[in-house]
Protein backbone atom coordinates (compact mmCIF):
# COMPACT_ATOMS: atom_id res chain seq x y z
CA MET A 1 -34.94 -21.46 -5.90
CA ALA A 2 -33.92 -22.96 -9.24
CA PRO A 3 -30.29 -22.62 -10.33
CA ASP A 4 -29.51 -19.72 -12.65
CA THR A 5 -29.49 -20.89 -16.27
CA ALA A 6 -28.20 -17.63 -17.74
CA PRO A 7 -24.98 -17.70 -19.82
CA GLN A 8 -21.65 -17.95 -18.06
CA THR A 9 -19.94 -14.81 -16.84
CA VAL A 10 -16.93 -13.33 -18.58
CA ALA A 11 -14.74 -14.72 -15.79
CA ALA A 12 -16.21 -18.16 -16.29
CA GLN A 13 -15.72 -17.98 -20.06
CA ARG A 14 -12.08 -16.97 -19.69
CA THR A 15 -11.28 -19.87 -17.39
CA GLY A 16 -13.57 -22.41 -18.97
CA ALA A 17 -15.36 -22.69 -15.63
CA LYS A 18 -18.95 -23.71 -15.28
CA PRO A 19 -21.36 -21.58 -13.26
CA LEU A 20 -20.58 -21.71 -9.55
CA THR A 21 -24.01 -22.37 -8.11
CA ILE A 22 -24.64 -21.22 -4.55
CA LYS A 23 -26.20 -24.09 -2.63
CA ARG A 24 -26.76 -22.55 0.81
CA ILE A 25 -25.97 -19.58 3.03
CA ASP A 26 -25.58 -19.68 6.80
CA ALA A 27 -25.68 -16.58 9.00
CA ILE A 28 -23.62 -17.35 12.11
CA PRO A 29 -23.51 -14.87 15.02
CA ILE A 30 -20.38 -15.09 17.18
CA ALA A 31 -19.02 -13.39 20.29
CA ILE A 32 -15.32 -13.23 21.23
CA PRO A 33 -13.93 -11.27 24.21
CA LEU A 34 -11.28 -8.61 23.70
CA LYS A 35 -7.92 -8.88 25.46
CA LYS A 36 -8.77 -5.60 27.17
CA PRO A 37 -11.66 -3.13 26.78
CA VAL A 38 -11.46 -0.40 24.15
CA SER A 39 -13.16 2.90 25.01
CA MET A 40 -14.34 5.40 22.42
CA ALA A 41 -16.95 8.13 22.30
CA GLY A 42 -20.35 6.62 23.03
CA VAL A 43 -19.28 3.03 23.65
CA ARG A 44 -16.95 0.76 25.61
CA ILE A 45 -16.24 -2.56 23.89
CA GLU A 46 -15.35 -5.62 25.97
CA ILE A 47 -16.79 -8.36 23.74
CA SER A 48 -16.82 -8.34 19.97
CA TYR A 49 -20.12 -9.40 18.41
CA ASP A 50 -19.75 -10.34 14.75
CA LEU A 51 -21.72 -11.94 11.98
CA LEU A 52 -20.03 -14.65 9.94
CA VAL A 53 -21.61 -15.67 6.66
CA ARG A 54 -20.79 -19.09 5.24
CA VAL A 55 -21.59 -19.58 1.55
CA GLU A 56 -21.45 -23.12 0.20
CA ALA A 57 -21.44 -23.95 -3.49
CA ALA A 58 -22.92 -27.01 -5.17
CA ASN A 59 -19.37 -28.25 -5.86
CA GLY A 60 -18.57 -28.26 -2.12
CA LEU A 61 -16.41 -25.12 -2.00
CA VAL A 62 -17.07 -22.72 0.87
CA GLY A 63 -16.55 -18.97 1.16
CA TRP A 64 -16.60 -16.85 4.32
CA GLY A 65 -17.44 -13.23 5.02
CA GLU A 66 -17.62 -11.19 8.21
CA ALA A 67 -19.21 -8.03 9.56
CA SER A 68 -18.92 -6.54 13.03
CA VAL A 69 -21.89 -5.23 14.96
CA ALA A 70 -21.71 -1.43 15.05
CA PRO A 71 -24.90 0.08 16.52
CA THR A 72 -23.31 3.51 17.07
CA MET A 73 -22.00 3.63 13.49
CA THR A 74 -24.35 1.71 11.20
CA GLY A 75 -27.26 1.01 13.54
CA ASP A 76 -26.84 -2.72 12.99
CA VAL A 77 -27.48 -5.17 15.83
CA LEU A 78 -26.77 -8.89 15.64
CA PRO A 79 -30.33 -10.33 15.53
CA GLY A 80 -31.23 -7.86 12.79
CA MET A 81 -28.13 -8.75 10.78
CA VAL A 82 -28.97 -12.46 11.00
CA ALA A 83 -32.56 -11.78 9.95
CA ALA A 84 -31.44 -9.59 7.05
CA VAL A 85 -29.31 -12.42 5.69
CA ASN A 86 -31.80 -15.21 6.29
CA ASP A 87 -34.99 -13.42 5.27
CA HIS A 88 -33.87 -10.98 2.58
CA LEU A 89 -30.41 -11.61 1.12
CA ALA A 90 -30.06 -15.40 1.06
CA PRO A 91 -33.22 -15.88 -1.06
CA LEU A 92 -31.72 -13.53 -3.67
CA VAL A 93 -28.48 -15.45 -4.11
CA VAL A 94 -29.14 -19.12 -3.29
CA GLY A 95 -29.31 -21.00 -6.58
CA LYS A 96 -27.45 -18.23 -8.42
CA ASP A 97 -23.98 -18.22 -9.98
CA ALA A 98 -21.40 -16.86 -7.52
CA LEU A 99 -19.21 -15.82 -10.45
CA LYS A 100 -21.84 -13.17 -11.18
CA ARG A 101 -20.79 -11.51 -7.95
CA ALA A 102 -21.19 -7.95 -9.22
CA GLU A 103 -24.79 -8.63 -10.21
CA LEU A 104 -25.48 -10.35 -6.88
CA ALA A 105 -23.92 -7.46 -4.97
CA GLN A 106 -26.20 -5.04 -6.78
CA ARG A 107 -29.26 -7.18 -6.04
CA CYS A 108 -28.38 -7.25 -2.35
CA ALA A 109 -27.66 -3.52 -2.28
CA HIS A 110 -31.17 -2.79 -3.53
CA ALA A 111 -32.92 -5.46 -1.45
CA LEU A 112 -33.33 -3.48 1.77
CA HIS A 113 -32.47 -0.09 3.24
CA HIS A 114 -29.19 0.25 5.14
CA ASN A 115 -28.14 -3.09 6.74
CA GLY A 116 -24.61 -2.57 5.45
CA GLY A 117 -23.15 -5.20 7.76
CA ALA A 118 -25.36 -8.02 6.48
CA LYS A 119 -24.75 -7.01 2.87
CA CYS A 120 -21.02 -6.77 3.55
CA ALA A 121 -20.74 -10.27 5.01
CA VAL A 122 -22.68 -11.85 2.13
CA ASP A 123 -20.71 -9.95 -0.54
CA ALA A 124 -17.35 -10.82 1.06
CA ALA A 125 -18.29 -14.49 1.37
CA ILE A 126 -19.30 -14.67 -2.29
CA ALA A 127 -16.05 -12.97 -3.33
CA ASP A 128 -14.06 -15.42 -1.21
CA LEU A 129 -15.94 -18.34 -2.78
CA ALA A 130 -15.38 -17.04 -6.31
CA GLY A 131 -11.68 -16.49 -5.65
CA ARG A 132 -11.25 -20.01 -4.32
CA HIS A 133 -13.08 -21.45 -7.30
CA LEU A 134 -10.99 -19.49 -9.82
CA ASN A 135 -7.81 -19.98 -7.73
CA VAL A 136 -7.11 -16.25 -7.52
CA SER A 137 -6.76 -13.94 -4.55
CA MET A 138 -9.31 -11.33 -3.54
CA SER A 139 -6.79 -8.70 -4.63
CA ASP A 140 -6.81 -10.18 -8.11
CA LEU A 141 -10.62 -10.21 -8.19
CA TYR A 142 -10.60 -6.46 -7.60
CA GLY A 143 -7.99 -5.34 -10.12
CA GLY A 144 -4.67 -6.65 -8.85
CA ALA A 145 -2.35 -5.62 -6.03
CA LEU A 146 -0.46 -2.33 -6.13
CA ARG A 147 1.46 -3.33 -2.99
CA ASP A 148 2.16 -6.55 -1.11
CA SER A 149 2.55 -5.15 2.39
CA ILE A 150 0.97 -2.35 4.40
CA THR A 151 1.95 -0.43 7.53
CA ALA A 152 -0.35 -1.39 10.40
CA MET A 153 -2.17 1.15 12.54
CA TYR A 154 -2.52 0.58 16.28
CA LEU A 155 -5.43 1.98 18.33
CA LEU A 156 -4.88 3.75 21.65
CA GLY A 157 -7.86 3.92 24.01
CA ASN A 158 -6.70 3.65 27.61
CA PRO A 159 -8.40 5.57 30.46
CA LYS A 160 -5.11 7.20 31.51
CA ILE A 161 -2.58 9.06 29.36
CA GLU A 162 0.29 7.34 31.16
CA ASP A 163 -1.08 4.00 29.96
CA ASP A 164 -1.37 5.28 26.38
CA ILE A 165 2.25 6.46 26.46
CA ALA A 166 3.49 3.19 27.95
CA GLU A 167 1.54 1.15 25.42
CA THR A 168 2.76 3.30 22.53
CA GLN A 169 6.38 2.93 23.59
CA GLN A 170 5.96 -0.84 23.92
CA LYS A 171 4.39 -1.10 20.47
CA ILE A 172 7.18 1.01 18.96
CA ARG A 173 9.63 -1.54 20.31
CA GLU A 174 7.55 -4.19 18.50
CA GLY A 175 7.87 -2.27 15.24
CA TYR A 176 4.68 -0.18 15.07
CA ARG A 177 5.06 3.28 13.52
CA PHE A 178 1.41 4.38 13.13
CA PHE A 179 -1.00 5.13 16.01
CA LYS A 180 -4.57 6.37 16.33
CA LEU A 181 -5.65 7.99 19.59
CA LYS A 182 -9.29 7.75 20.64
CA VAL A 183 -10.62 11.18 21.70
CA GLY A 184 -14.02 12.84 22.09
CA ILE A 185 -14.47 11.22 25.49
CA LYS A 186 -12.95 13.68 27.99
CA ASP A 187 -12.43 17.43 28.26
CA PRO A 188 -10.95 18.71 24.95
CA PHE A 189 -8.15 20.59 26.74
CA ASP A 190 -7.09 17.39 28.50
CA GLU A 191 -7.30 15.34 25.31
CA ALA A 192 -5.25 17.88 23.36
CA ASP A 193 -2.64 17.93 26.12
CA ALA A 194 -2.60 14.12 26.05
CA ALA A 195 -1.97 14.09 22.30
CA VAL A 196 0.92 16.53 22.77
CA ALA A 197 2.32 14.42 25.62
CA ILE A 198 2.24 11.30 23.46
CA ARG A 199 4.02 13.14 20.65
CA ARG A 200 6.75 14.33 23.00
CA ALA A 201 7.17 10.79 24.32
CA ILE A 202 7.39 9.04 20.94
CA GLY A 203 9.26 11.63 18.88
CA ARG A 204 8.58 12.94 15.38
CA ASP A 205 9.29 9.81 13.33
CA VAL A 206 6.07 8.04 14.31
CA VAL A 207 2.68 8.80 12.74
CA LEU A 208 -0.05 9.90 15.16
CA CYS A 209 -3.69 10.68 14.37
CA ALA A 210 -6.89 11.00 16.42
CA ASP A 211 -10.45 9.72 16.15
CA ALA A 212 -13.37 11.36 17.96
CA ASN A 213 -16.13 8.99 16.79
CA MET A 214 -18.60 11.92 16.67
CA GLY A 215 -17.91 12.70 20.33
CA MET A 216 -17.27 16.45 19.99
CA ASN A 217 -19.34 19.54 19.38
CA PHE A 218 -17.94 22.37 17.25
CA ARG A 219 -16.52 24.29 20.21
CA ASN A 220 -14.71 21.28 21.66
CA ALA A 221 -13.39 20.23 18.28
CA ARG A 222 -12.00 23.71 17.68
CA ILE A 223 -10.31 23.72 21.08
CA PHE A 224 -8.80 20.31 20.41
CA VAL A 225 -7.36 21.07 16.95
CA GLU A 226 -5.93 24.42 18.03
CA ARG A 227 -4.43 23.19 21.30
CA SER A 228 -3.01 19.97 19.83
CA ARG A 229 -0.92 21.67 17.10
CA GLU A 230 2.33 20.47 18.63
CA ALA A 231 1.11 16.87 18.41
CA ASP A 232 1.45 17.12 14.62
CA LEU A 233 -1.59 14.91 14.01
CA LEU A 234 -1.91 13.40 10.55
CA PHE A 235 -5.68 13.89 10.80
CA LEU A 236 -8.64 14.17 13.15
CA GLU A 237 -11.37 11.69 12.32
CA GLN A 238 -15.09 12.45 12.52
CA PRO A 239 -15.14 15.01 15.34
CA LEU A 240 -18.80 16.00 14.78
CA ARG A 241 -22.05 14.12 14.36
CA ASP A 242 -22.46 12.20 11.13
CA ASP A 243 -25.16 14.56 9.83
CA ASP A 244 -23.41 17.83 10.76
CA TYR A 245 -22.16 18.55 7.24
CA ASP A 246 -22.11 22.31 7.69
CA GLY A 247 -20.19 21.99 10.93
CA MET A 248 -17.57 19.74 9.34
CA ALA A 249 -17.12 22.20 6.47
CA ALA A 250 -16.78 25.15 8.87
CA LEU A 251 -14.32 23.26 11.05
CA ALA A 252 -12.24 22.21 8.05
CA ARG A 253 -11.85 25.87 7.03
CA ILE A 254 -10.19 26.81 10.32
CA SER A 255 -8.57 23.59 11.47
CA PRO A 256 -4.78 23.23 11.36
CA VAL A 257 -5.40 19.46 11.42
CA PRO A 258 -6.84 17.78 8.28
CA LEU A 259 -10.24 16.16 8.80
CA ASN A 260 -11.09 12.55 8.03
CA GLY A 261 -14.68 11.44 7.48
CA ASP A 262 -15.95 8.18 8.92
CA GLU A 263 -19.48 7.81 10.28
CA SER A 264 -20.67 10.45 7.78
CA LEU A 265 -19.51 8.40 4.81
CA GLY A 266 -22.06 5.66 4.23
CA ASN A 267 -22.11 5.90 0.45
CA VAL A 268 -20.22 7.32 -2.51
CA ALA A 269 -22.60 10.25 -2.97
CA THR A 270 -21.78 11.55 0.52
CA ILE A 271 -18.05 11.11 -0.08
CA ILE A 272 -18.32 13.23 -3.23
CA ALA A 273 -20.48 15.88 -1.55
CA MET A 274 -18.21 16.27 1.47
CA ALA A 275 -15.09 16.37 -0.67
CA ARG A 276 -16.58 19.09 -2.88
CA ALA A 277 -17.58 21.09 0.19
CA GLY A 278 -14.02 20.91 1.47
CA SER A 279 -15.24 19.17 4.64
CA ILE A 280 -12.74 16.32 4.47
CA GLN A 281 -9.28 15.67 3.13
CA GLY A 282 -9.55 11.92 3.63
CA ALA A 283 -12.06 9.11 3.99
CA ASN A 284 -12.23 6.20 6.41
CA LEU A 285 -13.77 3.39 4.39
CA LYS A 286 -15.29 0.37 6.12
CA THR A 287 -16.97 -2.48 4.30
CA ILE A 288 -19.76 -2.56 6.89
CA LYS A 289 -20.67 1.09 6.20
CA LEU A 290 -20.55 0.83 2.43
CA GLY A 291 -22.30 -2.55 2.25
CA GLY A 292 -19.62 -4.83 0.90
CA VAL A 293 -16.24 -5.39 -0.66
CA SER A 294 -17.50 -4.46 -4.12
CA ALA A 295 -18.91 -1.16 -2.88
CA THR A 296 -15.69 -0.43 -1.01
CA ALA A 297 -13.62 -1.05 -4.13
CA HIS A 298 -15.82 1.44 -5.98
CA ALA A 299 -15.53 4.00 -3.17
CA MET A 300 -11.73 3.67 -3.19
CA SER A 301 -11.65 4.50 -6.90
CA VAL A 302 -13.85 7.54 -6.30
CA CYS A 303 -11.59 8.71 -3.45
CA GLY A 304 -8.58 8.33 -5.71
CA ALA A 305 -10.23 10.42 -8.42
CA LEU A 306 -11.16 13.11 -5.88
CA GLY A 307 -7.65 13.28 -4.48
CA LEU A 308 -8.75 12.10 -1.04
CA ASN A 309 -6.43 10.25 1.32
CA ILE A 310 -7.74 6.76 2.03
CA ASN A 311 -7.99 5.14 5.44
CA LEU A 312 -9.27 1.54 5.53
CA ALA A 313 -10.42 -0.05 8.76
CA CYS A 314 -12.07 -3.03 10.35
CA LYS A 315 -14.45 -2.29 13.20
CA VAL A 316 -13.30 -3.18 16.71
CA ALA A 317 -12.94 -6.08 16.63
CA GLU A 318 -13.19 -8.40 13.64
CA THR A 319 -11.47 -11.77 13.25
CA SER A 320 -8.85 -12.68 10.67
CA VAL A 321 -11.62 -13.11 8.08
CA GLY A 322 -12.36 -9.39 8.19
CA ALA A 323 -8.67 -8.55 8.60
CA ALA A 324 -7.64 -10.50 5.50
CA THR A 325 -10.41 -8.87 3.49
CA ILE A 326 -9.41 -5.32 4.44
CA ILE A 327 -5.72 -6.03 3.80
CA HIS A 328 -6.59 -7.16 0.27
CA MET A 329 -8.56 -3.95 -0.19
CA GLY A 330 -5.58 -1.97 1.05
CA CYS A 331 -3.33 -3.70 -1.46
CA VAL A 332 -5.54 -2.63 -4.41
CA ALA A 333 -6.41 0.87 -3.13
CA PRO A 334 -5.18 3.90 -5.12
CA ASN A 335 -3.49 5.03 -1.90
CA VAL A 336 -3.45 4.14 1.79
CA ASN A 337 -1.94 7.45 2.88
CA TRP A 338 -4.02 7.58 6.04
CA GLY A 339 -3.48 4.02 7.15
CA VAL A 340 -5.05 0.58 7.40
CA SER A 341 -6.39 -0.78 10.66
CA ILE A 342 -7.10 -4.46 11.29
CA THR A 343 -8.45 -5.53 14.65
CA ASN A 344 -8.16 -9.31 15.07
CA HIS A 345 -5.11 -8.89 17.34
CA TYR A 346 -7.31 -7.18 19.97
CA LEU A 347 -9.28 -10.45 20.42
CA VAL A 348 -8.39 -13.20 22.88
CA ASP A 349 -8.87 -15.80 20.15
CA ASP A 350 -9.59 -16.19 16.45
CA ILE A 351 -11.65 -18.47 14.22
CA VAL A 352 -9.03 -19.30 11.57
CA LYS A 353 -6.27 -21.89 11.57
CA HIS A 354 -3.48 -19.37 11.02
CA PRO A 355 -4.52 -15.87 12.19
CA ILE A 356 -3.39 -12.75 10.37
CA ARG A 357 -0.21 -11.46 11.99
CA ILE A 358 1.42 -8.07 12.23
CA ASP A 359 5.19 -8.44 12.02
CA ASN A 360 7.40 -5.47 12.83
CA GLY A 361 4.46 -3.14 12.32
CA THR A 362 3.67 -4.50 8.85
CA MET A 363 0.86 -6.61 7.40
CA ALA A 364 1.61 -8.87 4.44
CA ARG A 365 -0.95 -9.51 1.73
CA PRO A 366 -2.43 -12.97 2.38
CA THR A 367 -1.39 -15.54 -0.19
CA GLY A 368 -3.69 -18.19 -1.58
CA ALA A 369 -7.11 -18.10 -3.16
CA GLY A 370 -9.95 -15.90 -1.96
CA HIS A 371 -9.15 -13.90 1.16
CA GLY A 372 -6.38 -16.38 1.92
CA VAL A 373 -7.24 -17.56 5.44
CA GLU A 374 -8.67 -20.96 6.38
CA VAL A 375 -11.61 -20.87 8.76
CA ASP A 376 -11.62 -23.42 11.58
CA GLU A 377 -15.25 -24.48 11.83
CA ALA A 378 -14.66 -25.98 15.27
CA GLN A 379 -13.62 -22.51 16.45
CA VAL A 380 -16.69 -21.00 14.80
CA ALA A 381 -18.86 -23.48 16.70
CA ARG A 382 -17.04 -22.60 19.94
CA TYR A 383 -17.91 -18.90 19.67
CA HIS A 384 -21.31 -19.31 18.01
CA ILE A 385 -24.07 -17.72 20.04
CA LYS A 386 -27.76 -18.49 19.76
């Protein structure tokens, strides 16, 4: 495809930069084991399968994006994600100016139905490339940082409540103050009692919420929210199926625990509709659901205007590429009242030279251009699967 000969973008004009022509795109499937399995409603994850997208410009600069496989959330599977990039998205952007990232994101959004993971990885890689070229961070590309550090959320998903309590107490000693308990797997009475037991063990100064991943019906969700009152949960995330809008609205009217939408929220229109119906008081935003960093930035603005609490999250489990990207989004979000969850620390290894760290329960905004982490291509080759 011939290089784009259209006029330079506003960003290019301001910096005096020439068009940043995309030379090639590589879709690279990888698999990295987790340190220990994570169980949630409908799935047990032992190995993380992710798509890395490598975008190379004509000037030699490289940008990276990532998207985790999430068949129970987005329907995406790895071979399909690779095919979506190679057969549908790459032909739209190769030869084009990466500085026109908003236009390219829109082209990709309209190129095929769903496939949010593939779109996400391409969009993030182009944003990383543009940031490196302009020598600005991803936060700066999306409006500038409102904060430079974020409290980290830690996921609890052990088979036994005793293990959850022990792990929580250990993580509190490491500085964590925000926990999310996976529910929707066992009997709702037992899960509610477990949430209360964790609260009693950790005290009132630590934030605790719960995520059902669509694993409950209305009856079980009602039992859980009523019986877990003492747990003082910040929110219950996606208790019902993603298309049960009436059920979510009815549950929200009677629940003493605020509801957070996740699997239901695949686009801005649904966020608006569920907020207006009173079904949710917060939104879990993932780049793989919304189809990219650009779409997530837009959704965050909409949530801010609607007065919704924002929860940003990587899927279990993305590498430091995905972690850095979501931290940047958290730093520009109107609010992160309901937490930010990165997941690279659940992996046995990473694919960057200096992995994103959580220190004393806090994540610092990555410094440097683009998403701010340097990919180790030898590590990528190590975990590349055919």
